[in-house]
Protein backbone atom coordinates (compact mmCIF):
# COMPACT_ATOMS: atom_id res chain seq x y z
CA UNK A 1 78.36 111.17 90.82
CA UNK A 2 81.40 109.46 91.11
CA UNK A 3 84.12 109.71 88.69
CA UNK A 4 85.17 106.33 87.10
CA UNK A 5 88.80 105.57 86.89
CA UNK A 6 91.04 104.48 84.20
CA UNK A 7 92.75 100.97 84.48
CA UNK A 8 93.97 99.53 82.28
CA UNK A 9 96.10 95.81 82.81
CA UNK A 10 97.86 96.36 85.62
CA UNK A 11 98.24 99.92 86.06
CA UNK A 12 95.65 102.91 86.74
CA UNK A 13 95.09 106.46 85.72
CA UNK A 14 94.20 109.15 88.22
CA UNK A 15 92.75 112.04 87.53
CA UNK A 16 93.16 115.35 90.20
CA UNK A 17 90.21 117.32 90.50
CA UNK A 18 87.97 115.12 92.64
CA UNK A 19 87.04 115.20 96.16
CA UNK A 20 86.30 111.64 98.36
CA UNK A 21 82.85 111.51 99.99
CA UNK A 22 80.73 109.26 101.35
CA UNK A 23 80.51 105.96 103.61
CA UNK A 24 83.70 103.64 104.17
CA UNK A 25 84.25 99.87 105.43
CA UNK A 26 87.85 99.03 105.00
CA UNK A 27 88.56 95.41 104.82
CA UNK A 28 88.77 93.24 107.66
CA UNK A 29 92.26 93.88 109.82
CA UNK A 30 95.14 91.75 108.39
CA UNK A 31 96.94 91.31 112.02
CA UNK A 32 93.98 89.85 113.41
CA UNK A 33 92.95 87.93 110.69
CA UNK A 34 96.22 86.28 110.76
CA UNK A 35 95.92 85.31 114.10
CA UNK A 36 92.50 83.77 114.28
CA UNK A 37 93.71 81.19 111.75
CA UNK A 38 97.15 80.35 113.61
CA UNK A 39 95.62 80.13 117.26
CA UNK A 40 92.15 78.98 115.74
CA UNK A 41 93.92 75.97 114.20
CA UNK A 42 95.71 74.93 117.06
CA UNK A 43 92.87 75.09 119.39
CA UNK A 44 90.58 72.92 120.43
CA UNK A 45 87.16 72.23 118.31
CA UNK A 46 85.75 75.28 116.13
CA UNK A 47 86.96 78.97 115.63
CA UNK A 48 84.81 81.22 113.09
CA UNK A 49 85.97 84.45 111.99
CA UNK A 50 84.05 87.06 111.08
CA UNK A 51 85.09 89.44 108.56
CA UNK A 52 88.74 88.06 107.98
CA UNK A 53 90.08 90.37 105.76
CA UNK A 54 90.04 87.52 102.05
CA UNK A 55 93.45 88.98 101.10
CA UNK A 56 96.62 87.61 99.95
CA UNK A 57 98.53 87.41 102.82
CA UNK A 58 96.10 85.21 104.92
CA UNK A 59 94.94 83.26 102.38
CA UNK A 60 99.12 82.35 102.29
CA UNK A 61 98.63 81.39 106.83
CA UNK A 62 95.19 79.44 105.34
CA UNK A 63 96.75 77.78 102.85
CA UNK A 64 99.57 76.46 104.91
CA UNK A 65 97.65 75.92 107.43
CA UNK A 66 95.06 73.35 105.47
CA UNK A 67 98.50 71.60 104.16
CA UNK A 68 99.39 71.18 108.03
CA UNK A 69 96.17 69.06 107.62
CA UNK A 70 93.75 71.68 109.19
CA UNK A 71 90.35 72.47 107.93
CA UNK A 72 89.73 75.85 106.62
CA UNK A 73 86.39 76.60 105.52
CA UNK A 74 86.50 78.80 101.56
CA UNK A 75 87.75 82.50 102.48
CA UNK A 76 86.39 85.00 100.92
CA UNK A 77 82.30 84.94 100.93
CA UNK A 78 81.05 88.26 102.87
CA UNK A 79 78.04 86.54 104.40
CA UNK A 80 79.87 83.52 105.61
CA UNK A 81 82.49 83.02 108.59
CA UNK A 82 85.45 81.25 108.22
CA UNK A 83 85.56 77.75 109.89
CA UNK A 84 88.22 76.67 111.83
CA UNK A 85 88.08 73.43 112.64
CA UNK A 86 91.44 72.81 115.47
CA UNK A 87 93.54 70.08 116.06
CA UNK A 88 95.20 71.32 119.11
CA UNK A 89 98.72 72.11 120.34
CA UNK A 90 100.03 69.00 118.96
CA UNK A 91 98.09 67.68 115.90
CA UNK A 92 99.83 70.18 113.26
CA UNK A 93 101.02 67.05 110.50
CA UNK A 94 104.63 67.27 109.17
CA UNK A 95 103.14 68.77 105.72
CA UNK A 96 104.04 67.00 102.07
CA UNK A 97 105.46 69.55 100.34
CA UNK A 98 107.78 73.31 100.84
CA UNK A 99 105.19 75.63 102.75
CA UNK A 100 104.41 79.19 100.66
CA UNK A 101 104.33 81.91 102.20
CA UNK A 102 104.15 84.54 99.00
CA UNK A 103 104.79 88.18 99.97
CA UNK A 104 104.10 87.55 104.00
CA UNK A 105 106.53 88.65 106.05
CA UNK A 106 104.12 87.47 109.22
CA UNK A 107 102.89 84.42 107.53
CA UNK A 108 106.61 83.29 107.72
CA UNK A 109 107.18 84.30 111.09
CA UNK A 110 104.58 83.66 112.88
CA UNK A 111 105.29 79.62 111.86
CA UNK A 112 108.69 79.27 112.84
CA UNK A 113 107.44 79.90 116.37
CA UNK A 114 104.43 77.96 115.92
CA UNK A 115 106.11 74.51 114.53
CA UNK A 116 109.80 75.00 116.35
CA UNK A 117 107.90 73.22 118.94
CA UNK A 118 105.97 70.26 117.04
CA UNK A 119 108.52 67.09 118.18
CA UNK A 120 109.42 65.26 115.22
CA UNK A 121 108.48 66.62 111.97
CA UNK A 122 110.11 68.63 109.75
CA UNK A 123 109.18 71.59 107.43
CA UNK A 124 110.75 74.03 104.78
CA UNK A 125 109.61 77.35 104.27
CA UNK A 126 110.15 79.50 100.99
CA UNK A 127 108.11 82.75 100.20
CA UNK A 128 108.59 84.62 96.72
CA UNK A 129 111.51 87.31 95.68
CA UNK A 130 110.70 89.68 98.04
CA UNK A 131 110.62 87.64 101.37
CA UNK A 132 113.16 85.70 100.56
CA UNK A 133 115.58 88.66 100.82
CA UNK A 134 113.64 89.99 104.29
CA UNK A 135 115.30 89.30 107.63
CA UNK A 136 113.85 86.16 109.16
CA UNK A 137 117.17 86.02 111.71
CA UNK A 138 115.71 88.56 114.66
CA UNK A 139 113.22 85.27 114.70
CA UNK A 140 115.36 82.19 114.47
CA UNK A 141 118.03 83.84 116.74
CA UNK A 142 116.34 84.17 119.90
CA UNK A 143 114.28 81.05 118.83
CA UNK A 144 117.56 78.68 118.85
CA UNK A 145 119.69 80.53 120.83
CA UNK A 146 117.36 81.43 123.92
CA UNK A 147 114.45 78.43 123.48
CA UNK A 148 116.63 75.51 121.43
CA UNK A 149 114.55 75.68 118.43
CA UNK A 150 116.67 73.53 115.38
CA UNK A 151 116.33 76.17 112.22
CA UNK A 152 118.91 75.90 109.51
CA UNK A 153 118.60 77.86 105.89
CA UNK A 154 120.39 80.71 104.02
CA UNK A 155 122.84 82.82 105.74
CA UNK A 156 122.94 80.73 108.94
CA UNK A 157 119.30 80.57 109.16
CA UNK A 158 118.81 84.28 108.72
CA UNK A 159 116.87 84.16 105.37
CA UNK A 160 114.60 81.78 103.42
CA UNK A 161 114.28 79.05 102.27
CA UNK A 162 114.15 77.92 105.84
CA UNK A 163 113.92 74.22 107.12
CA UNK A 164 112.26 73.78 111.19
CA UNK A 165 113.13 70.36 112.68
CA UNK A 166 110.66 70.17 115.38
CA UNK A 167 111.73 70.22 118.90
CA UNK A 168 111.31 70.36 122.79
CA UNK A 169 111.83 73.83 123.87
CA UNK A 170 112.73 75.36 126.59
CA UNK A 171 111.44 78.83 128.18
CA UNK A 172 113.65 81.50 129.56
CA UNK A 173 113.56 85.16 129.64
CA UNK A 174 114.16 87.17 125.99
CA UNK A 175 115.08 90.50 125.26
CA UNK A 176 113.98 90.90 121.47
CA UNK A 177 116.66 93.99 119.70
CA UNK A 178 113.38 95.30 117.69
CA UNK A 179 109.77 95.85 118.81
CA UNK A 180 108.22 93.72 116.49
CA UNK A 181 105.02 92.01 117.15
CA UNK A 182 106.06 89.76 114.72
CA UNK A 183 108.90 88.57 116.84
CA UNK A 184 107.04 89.00 120.25
CA UNK A 185 104.17 86.46 118.65
CA UNK A 186 106.59 83.96 117.35
CA UNK A 187 108.00 83.47 120.90
CA UNK A 188 104.48 83.49 122.24
CA UNK A 189 103.52 80.69 119.78
CA UNK A 190 106.78 78.49 121.03
CA UNK A 191 105.84 78.93 124.43
CA UNK A 192 102.83 77.33 123.99
CA UNK A 193 104.73 73.97 124.57
CA UNK A 194 107.88 75.28 125.66
CA UNK A 195 108.88 73.03 129.13
CA UNK A 196 108.58 76.41 131.16
CA UNK A 197 107.85 79.64 131.25
CA UNK A 198 108.26 82.04 128.39
CA UNK A 199 109.29 85.63 128.87
CA UNK A 200 109.22 88.32 125.96
CA UNK A 201 110.75 91.72 126.85
CA UNK A 202 110.27 94.84 124.07
CA UNK A 203 112.56 98.23 123.78
CA UNK A 204 109.64 99.87 122.75
CA UNK A 205 105.65 98.94 123.14
CA UNK A 206 104.77 97.13 120.12
CA UNK A 207 101.03 95.60 118.64
CA UNK A 208 99.42 93.51 121.21
CA UNK A 209 96.96 91.47 118.94
CA UNK A 210 98.70 88.42 120.38
CA UNK A 211 98.49 88.77 124.18
CA UNK A 212 95.11 89.79 123.25
CA UNK A 213 93.98 87.31 121.59
CA UNK A 214 95.94 84.31 123.55
CA UNK A 215 93.93 85.54 126.38
CA UNK A 216 90.39 84.74 124.48
CA UNK A 217 91.32 81.26 123.68
CA UNK A 218 92.81 80.63 127.44
CA UNK A 219 96.12 80.62 127.32
CA UNK A 220 98.21 82.03 130.27
CA UNK A 221 99.65 85.04 129.12
CA UNK A 222 100.50 88.08 131.54
CA UNK A 223 101.60 91.67 130.73
CA UNK A 224 102.64 94.31 132.72
CA UNK A 225 105.76 97.29 132.16
CA UNK A 226 105.87 100.64 130.61
CA UNK A 227 103.12 99.94 127.81
CA UNK A 228 102.54 96.24 127.93
CA UNK A 229 106.37 95.89 127.48
CA UNK A 230 106.88 92.75 129.02
CA UNK A 231 104.93 89.93 128.11
CA UNK A 232 105.33 86.26 129.75
CA UNK A 233 103.16 82.78 128.66
CA UNK A 234 103.14 79.59 130.87
CA UNK A 235 102.82 76.37 129.02
CA UNK A 236 100.63 73.74 129.93
CA UNK A 237 97.09 75.24 129.05
CA UNK A 238 95.03 73.97 125.74
CA UNK A 239 93.86 76.52 123.73
CA UNK A 240 89.41 76.42 122.87
CA UNK A 241 88.32 77.63 120.09
CA UNK A 242 86.22 80.87 119.44
CA UNK A 243 83.93 83.31 117.76
CA UNK A 244 86.64 86.00 116.70
CA UNK A 245 85.04 89.17 114.62
CA UNK A 246 88.01 91.13 112.69
CA UNK A 247 87.16 95.46 112.73
CA UNK A 248 88.48 97.08 110.42
CA UNK A 249 91.97 97.43 109.67
CA UNK A 250 93.29 100.88 110.93
CA UNK A 251 95.86 100.44 108.28
CA UNK A 252 93.61 100.64 105.43
CA UNK A 253 91.91 103.03 107.14
CA UNK A 254 95.03 105.55 106.81
CA UNK A 255 94.61 104.98 103.20
CA UNK A 256 91.02 107.11 103.26
CA UNK A 257 92.18 109.43 106.70
CA UNK A 258 94.90 110.46 104.74
CA UNK A 259 93.75 111.00 101.34
CA UNK A 260 90.53 112.86 102.88
CA UNK A 261 92.38 115.11 104.69
CA UNK A 262 94.65 116.57 101.53
CA UNK A 263 92.04 116.82 99.08
CA UNK A 264 90.12 119.91 99.48
CA UNK A 265 86.08 119.16 99.83
CA UNK A 266 86.16 115.98 100.89
CA UNK A 267 84.82 114.47 104.14
CA UNK A 268 84.65 110.55 105.04
CA UNK A 269 82.88 108.31 107.26
CA UNK A 270 84.51 104.91 107.71
CA UNK A 271 82.79 102.62 110.07
CA UNK A 272 83.48 99.89 112.36
CA UNK A 273 87.82 100.85 112.70
CA UNK A 274 90.00 98.70 115.09
CA UNK A 275 91.23 101.43 117.45
CA UNK A 276 93.83 99.22 119.32
CA UNK A 277 96.50 101.96 121.95
CA UNK A 278 99.11 99.51 119.75
CA UNK A 279 97.97 100.60 116.35
CA UNK A 280 96.83 104.24 116.59
CA UNK A 281 99.99 106.26 116.60
CA UNK A 282 98.64 107.24 113.29
CA UNK A 283 95.20 109.09 114.22
CA UNK A 284 97.66 110.68 116.61
CA UNK A 285 99.56 111.98 114.44
CA UNK A 286 96.61 113.35 112.41
CA UNK A 287 95.32 115.32 115.50
CA UNK A 288 98.95 116.21 116.16
CA UNK A 289 99.05 118.43 112.51
CA UNK A 290 95.34 119.58 113.39
CA UNK A 291 93.21 117.31 110.86
CA UNK A 292 89.40 117.11 110.53
CA UNK A 293 88.76 113.72 112.81
CA UNK A 294 86.35 112.56 115.05
CA UNK A 295 86.09 109.26 116.65
CA UNK A 296 82.09 107.67 117.36
CA UNK A 297 80.35 104.79 117.99
CA UNK A 298 82.78 103.38 120.19
CA UNK A 299 82.39 100.08 121.69
CA UNK A 300 84.93 96.22 121.73
CA UNK A 301 84.70 93.60 119.99
CA UNK A 302 86.10 89.84 121.08
CA UNK A 303 88.17 92.25 123.46
CA UNK A 304 89.58 94.99 120.53
CA UNK A 305 87.98 98.78 120.44
CA UNK A 306 86.81 99.92 117.53
CA UNK A 307 84.89 102.76 116.53
CA UNK A 308 83.83 105.07 113.51
CA UNK A 309 86.29 107.42 112.10
CA UNK A 310 85.08 110.91 110.57
CA UNK A 311 87.65 112.89 108.41
CA UNK A 312 87.10 115.99 106.42
CA UNK A 313 89.71 118.30 104.83
CA UNK A 314 91.35 121.08 106.26
CA UNK A 315 94.54 123.05 106.94
CA UNK A 316 97.28 120.52 108.45
CA UNK A 317 100.73 121.90 110.22
CA UNK A 318 103.86 119.31 110.25
CA UNK A 319 104.65 116.40 112.11
CA UNK A 320 107.36 114.98 114.07
CA UNK A 321 107.37 111.03 114.48
CA UNK A 322 110.39 109.07 116.56
CA UNK A 323 111.43 105.82 117.63
CA UNK A 324 108.57 105.39 120.28
CA UNK A 325 105.44 106.34 118.42
CA UNK A 326 107.06 104.08 114.96
CA UNK A 327 106.20 100.72 116.25
CA UNK A 328 102.04 102.16 117.00
CA UNK A 329 102.65 103.95 112.96
CA UNK A 330 105.29 101.37 111.01
CA UNK A 331 102.73 100.53 108.44
CA UNK A 332 100.89 104.03 107.88
CA UNK A 333 104.60 106.23 107.51
CA UNK A 334 104.27 105.83 103.49
CA UNK A 335 101.13 107.37 103.50
CA UNK A 336 101.52 109.66 106.45
CA UNK A 337 104.69 111.17 103.62
CA UNK A 338 102.08 111.91 101.24
CA UNK A 339 100.48 114.32 104.15
CA UNK A 340 103.86 115.82 105.02
CA UNK A 341 104.05 117.25 101.63
CA UNK A 342 100.50 119.62 102.00
CA UNK A 343 101.22 120.65 105.90
CA UNK A 344 102.34 123.47 106.86
CA UNK A 345 106.38 123.09 108.12
CA UNK A 346 108.77 120.34 108.07
CA UNK A 347 107.39 117.66 109.31
CA UNK A 348 110.49 114.79 110.62
CA UNK A 349 110.26 110.76 110.66
CA UNK A 350 113.07 109.18 112.98
CA UNK A 351 113.95 105.83 113.65
CA UNK A 352 111.99 104.12 111.35
CA UNK A 353 115.14 102.00 109.83
CA UNK A 354 112.65 99.06 109.92
CA UNK A 355 110.90 100.21 106.74
CA UNK A 356 114.22 99.51 104.86
CA UNK A 357 113.59 95.55 105.95
CA UNK A 358 109.64 95.16 104.64
CA UNK A 359 107.89 94.13 101.37
CA UNK A 360 110.54 96.86 99.49
CA UNK A 361 113.12 99.41 101.09
CA UNK A 362 109.76 101.93 101.85
CA UNK A 363 111.85 104.99 102.97
CA UNK A 364 113.96 104.70 99.60
CA UNK A 365 110.33 104.17 97.29
CA UNK A 366 108.49 106.23 98.83
CA UNK A 367 111.34 108.82 97.95
CA UNK A 368 112.32 107.88 94.16
CA UNK A 369 108.37 108.19 93.49
CA UNK A 370 107.98 111.28 95.40
CA UNK A 371 110.47 112.87 93.80
CA UNK A 372 109.06 111.76 90.53
CA UNK A 373 106.15 114.14 91.25
CA UNK A 374 108.35 117.19 92.01
CA UNK A 375 108.83 116.68 95.70
CA UNK A 376 111.95 117.79 97.84
CA UNK A 377 112.05 114.80 99.89
CA UNK A 378 115.66 113.85 102.37
CA UNK A 379 115.71 110.53 102.65
CA UNK A 380 117.92 109.90 105.95
CA UNK A 381 119.40 106.92 107.91
CA UNK A 382 116.31 106.13 109.29
CA UNK A 383 113.62 108.41 108.50
CA UNK A 384 112.81 111.49 106.16
CA UNK A 385 112.37 115.05 106.52
CA UNK A 386 109.59 117.36 104.28
CA UNK A 387 108.92 120.71 104.02
CA UNK A 388 105.62 121.19 102.98
CA UNK A 389 103.64 122.83 101.65
CA UNK A 390 104.85 121.43 97.96
CA UNK A 391 103.07 121.78 94.74
CA UNK A 392 103.12 117.71 92.73
CA UNK A 393 103.13 117.42 89.18
CA UNK A 394 101.58 114.69 87.47
CA UNK A 395 104.06 111.34 86.74
CA UNK A 396 104.49 108.03 85.74
CA UNK A 397 104.82 105.72 89.19
CA UNK A 398 105.46 102.42 90.06
CA UNK A 399 104.23 100.76 93.46
CA UNK A 400 107.38 98.54 92.86
CA UNK A 401 105.75 95.63 93.86
CA UNK A 402 104.30 97.35 97.05
CA UNK A 403 101.21 97.32 98.65
CA UNK A 404 101.39 99.98 100.81
CA UNK A 405 103.34 102.20 98.59
CA UNK A 406 100.86 101.51 95.71
CA UNK A 407 98.08 102.85 97.63
CA UNK A 408 100.30 105.71 99.07
CA UNK A 409 100.53 107.45 95.72
CA UNK A 410 97.45 106.84 95.10
CA UNK A 411 96.07 109.65 97.57
CA UNK A 412 99.11 111.85 96.16
CA UNK A 413 97.95 111.54 92.49
CA UNK A 414 94.63 112.83 93.91
CA UNK A 415 96.01 116.09 94.37
CA UNK A 416 98.87 116.85 91.59
CA UNK A 417 98.68 118.81 89.03
CA UNK A 418 98.17 116.87 85.92
CA UNK A 419 96.98 112.83 85.53
CA UNK A 420 99.61 110.22 87.14
CA UNK A 421 99.62 106.90 86.00
CA UNK A 422 100.39 104.19 89.03
CA UNK A 423 102.22 101.27 87.41
CA UNK A 424 102.09 97.60 89.56
CA UNK A 425 98.78 98.37 90.99
CA UNK A 426 98.00 94.68 91.56
CA UNK A 427 100.24 94.89 94.73
CA UNK A 428 97.24 96.20 96.41
CA UNK A 429 95.48 92.93 96.78
CA UNK A 430 98.37 91.87 99.86
CA UNK A 431 95.66 93.49 102.30
CA UNK A 432 93.09 96.11 100.67
CA UNK A 433 91.71 93.71 97.36
CA UNK A 434 88.95 95.83 95.75
CA UNK A 435 90.16 99.39 96.63
CA UNK A 436 91.06 100.82 93.32
CA UNK A 437 87.45 100.18 92.98
CA UNK A 438 86.65 101.59 96.50
CA UNK A 439 88.38 104.89 95.28
CA UNK A 440 86.40 105.22 92.35
CA UNK A 441 83.18 104.89 93.92
CA UNK A 442 84.07 107.84 96.44
CA UNK A 443 85.43 110.36 94.33
CA UNK A 444 83.19 113.16 93.59
CA UNK A 445 83.94 115.71 91.06
CA UNK A 446 85.30 118.86 92.86
CA UNK A 447 87.11 122.13 92.22
CA UNK A 448 91.10 121.75 92.96
CA UNK A 449 92.57 124.16 94.88
CA UNK A 450 95.48 125.59 93.48
């Protein structure tokens, strides 16, 4: 029998002493959901999206597209796919109001690329307080300097609100300063209507959902170089609407994988999780730690590898994450920091400065919150150093409005000595609606090891 949780308003109290057991279906992949909406919007014909993530961030993308004349069916009915009626590469209309991206950096950055080439149309993009503080220059600068886009805003066009005056873009070879799938995807979207080929070269490999999906939609995309770091797109090809099947989000699965690995008596099976090679860094880290993790029922859907993940509690060793690995697990670092607290030895995270410009400064926030539980965490300029194992105490915690922090702290609280209260739990709705209810269903009474 599952152990109910104490939820009151925007906070939850988690009592330790329960294992995690059962079957899990994590929500659809957030990155793929965004891209299916955007590519479907500028394709010809109807795109149907099966298993789309019905969370705040993708819904912001949908609302922005609707404001530009794209018909999109209601989102949230699990039994019905989302239908996007494409308007073609040049069919997006100038909106009558500001486009509000909410908390979604993906929405804003990819729209900057998509809208920059809409000749004769004007757009204004903004977001919430957190998004208005996040760096947009990594997208706006290459779009403007290398492709001739007209983007302006605060801090010389690097902070929202941002204006986009659509114009004819030029092609070229663009080297990005960071390995970021959002930056790469924005440049590829801009390349759809550029005057000539656009080549994007990254310092490290980032997730490649855009390349895979653009090919499926009919774009002329070529990938080369070590680990696909060089991507070229040739304009002139219309996109065709597709049936997109969205796998479970590996970043959402990571909370359960770590939770089961560190919580005595736990065993979980996660169904139909995306296993894209550019996203499975967390699986590699867990295996290196000695986690009892296996992959079953592997297959492919819509060009993406998927499979079931089975994880059980067991002893863990330390891990090391460097800059080359960070792009393949950047969203999983907060929960991997929790795993490090229960590993035997010193774990090191380096080259993760990118976490300082996420929804929050995740390195600082995770350090602050874990220290509230009595953890000893060394915060460096670009990472963390954690000696384990450590004994955590129950504490009053705060997500600080960050969805991944909220869910990571829940996994730590399961293994603390004494109850923990987490404030700001509605942050999880950004990527994982229903997370807290699912946590309640998976918790089973069980003895806590000391």
